[in-house]
C-alpha atoms as a PDB file:
ATOM      1  CA  MET A   1      48.742-138.999 -48.694  1.00  0.00           C
ATOM      2  CA  THR A   2      48.447-135.538 -47.654  1.00  0.00           C
ATOM      3  CA  TRP A   3      49.951-132.911 -49.548  1.00  0.00           C
ATOM      4  CA  THR A   4      50.877-129.380 -47.839  1.00  0.00           C
ATOM      5  CA  LEU A   5      51.105-126.463 -50.273  1.00  0.00           C
ATOM      6  CA  PRO A   6      54.483-124.512 -49.848  1.00  0.00           C
ATOM      7  CA  GLU A   7      54.372-120.620 -50.041  1.00  0.00           C
ATOM      8  CA  PRO A   8      52.675-119.350 -53.299  1.00  0.00           C
ATOM      9  CA  MET A   9      55.008-118.504 -56.087  1.00  0.00           C
ATOM     10  CA  LEU A  10      53.516-115.150 -56.569  1.00  0.00           C
ATOM     11  CA  ALA A  11      55.331-112.344 -58.563  1.00  0.00           C
ATOM     12  CA  ALA A  12      55.396-108.957 -57.290  1.00  0.00           C
ATOM     13  CA  PRO A  13      55.414-105.568 -59.451  1.00  0.00           C
ATOM     14  CA  VAL A  14      58.303-103.351 -58.648  1.00  0.00           C
ATOM     15  CA  SER A  15      59.115 -99.821 -59.731  1.00  0.00           C
ATOM     16  CA  ASP A  16      62.734-100.502 -60.107  1.00  0.00           C
ATOM     17  CA  PRO A  17      63.765-103.144 -62.637  1.00  0.00           C
ATOM     18  CA  ASP A  18      67.298-103.550 -61.265  1.00  0.00           C
ATOM     19  CA  LEU A  19      67.751-106.569 -58.986  1.00  0.00           C
ATOM     20  CA  PRO A  20      69.891-106.900 -55.794  1.00  0.00           C
ATOM     21  CA  PRO A  21      73.116-109.107 -56.223  1.00  0.00           C
ATOM     22  CA  GLY A  22      72.469-112.578 -56.455  1.00  0.00           C
ATOM     23  CA  TRP A  23      68.918-112.405 -57.615  1.00  0.00           C
ATOM     24  CA  ALA A  24      67.463-113.409 -60.939  1.00  0.00           C
ATOM     25  CA  ALA A  25      64.143-112.792 -62.698  1.00  0.00           C
ATOM     26  CA  GLU A  26      62.226-113.456 -65.653  1.00  0.00           C
ATOM     27  CA  PRO A  27      59.056-112.148 -66.985  1.00  0.00           C
ATOM     28  CA  LYS A  28      55.953-114.253 -66.486  1.00  0.00           C
ATOM     29  CA  TRP A  29      54.283-114.494 -69.745  1.00  0.00           C
ATOM     30  CA  ASP A  30      50.590-115.742 -69.894  1.00  0.00           C
ATOM     31  CA  GLY A  31      51.327-119.414 -68.740  1.00  0.00           C
ATOM     32  CA  TRP A  32      51.298-121.906 -65.902  1.00  0.00           C
ATOM     33  CA  ARG A  33      52.939-122.055 -62.532  1.00  0.00           C
ATOM     34  CA  ALA A  34      53.341-125.403 -60.788  1.00  0.00           C
ATOM     35  CA  LEU A  35      55.024-127.271 -58.164  1.00  0.00           C
ATOM     36  CA  LEU A  36      56.314-130.688 -58.825  1.00  0.00           C
ATOM     37  CA  SER A  37      57.250-133.522 -56.428  1.00  0.00           C
ATOM     38  CA  TRP A  38      57.908-137.032 -56.862  1.00  0.00           C
ATOM     39  CA  ASP A  39      56.764-139.268 -54.224  1.00  0.00           C
ATOM     40  CA  ALA A  40      57.012-143.071 -54.068  1.00  0.00           C
ATOM     41  CA  HIS A  41      57.283-143.298 -57.829  1.00  0.00           C
ATOM     42  CA  ARG A  42      54.412-140.890 -58.233  1.00  0.00           C
ATOM     43  CA  LEU A  43      54.596-137.491 -59.853  1.00  0.00           C
ATOM     44  CA  ILE A  44      52.603-134.784 -58.063  1.00  0.00           C
ATOM     45  CA  LEU A  45      51.955-131.652 -59.906  1.00  0.00           C
ATOM     46  CA  ARG A  46      49.861-128.990 -58.461  1.00  0.00           C
ATOM     47  CA  SER A  47      48.755-125.336 -58.986  1.00  0.00           C
ATOM     48  CA  ARG A  48      49.839-122.766 -56.231  1.00  0.00           C
ATOM     49  CA  ARG A  49      45.861-123.317 -55.176  1.00  0.00           C
ATOM     50  CA  GLY A  50      46.440-127.046 -55.056  1.00  0.00           C
ATOM     51  CA  THR A  51      44.778-128.060 -58.120  1.00  0.00           C
ATOM     52  CA  ASP A  52      46.031-131.393 -59.592  1.00  0.00           C
ATOM     53  CA  LEU A  53      47.588-130.391 -63.065  1.00  0.00           C
ATOM     54  CA  GLU A  54      49.143-133.939 -63.944  1.00  0.00           C
ATOM     55  CA  PRO A  55      46.164-135.039 -66.224  1.00  0.00           C
ATOM     56  CA  SER A  56      46.798-131.588 -68.156  1.00  0.00           C
ATOM     57  CA  PHE A  57      50.441-132.234 -68.617  1.00  0.00           C
ATOM     58  CA  PRO A  58      50.925-136.103 -69.003  1.00  0.00           C
ATOM     59  CA  GLU A  59      54.058-135.564 -70.927  1.00  0.00           C
ATOM     60  CA  LEU A  60      55.839-134.200 -67.669  1.00  0.00           C
ATOM     61  CA  ARG A  61      56.037-137.648 -65.997  1.00  0.00           C
ATOM     62  CA  ALA A  62      58.740-138.902 -68.211  1.00  0.00           C
ATOM     63  CA  GLY A  63      60.777-135.568 -68.148  1.00  0.00           C
ATOM     64  CA  ALA A  64      60.556-135.205 -64.370  1.00  0.00           C
ATOM     65  CA  ALA A  65      61.383-138.897 -63.800  1.00  0.00           C
ATOM     66  CA  HIS A  66      64.522-138.567 -66.061  1.00  0.00           C
ATOM     67  CA  SER A  67      65.561-135.135 -64.570  1.00  0.00           C
ATOM     68  CA  LEU A  68      65.030-136.684 -60.980  1.00  0.00           C
ATOM     69  CA  GLY A  69      67.091-139.897 -61.828  1.00  0.00           C
ATOM     70  CA  VAL A  70      64.062-142.110 -60.632  1.00  0.00           C
ATOM     71  CA  LEU A  71      63.602-143.989 -64.121  1.00  0.00           C
END
């Protein structure tokens, strides 16, 4: 299977903390950003650079399957 990365989820600093109408934001504390997809009963969890993160977060499989209604 070929997996194509979407555009990276990068934060950008702004000088004005006011957000445009309809926007939402949250601070990014030290942590992980990941892209999750479910394909043919297989969880795909990748970093923005394409690193496979599923082995590092095995508990996400059941949560993702439940949330996506694929159990």
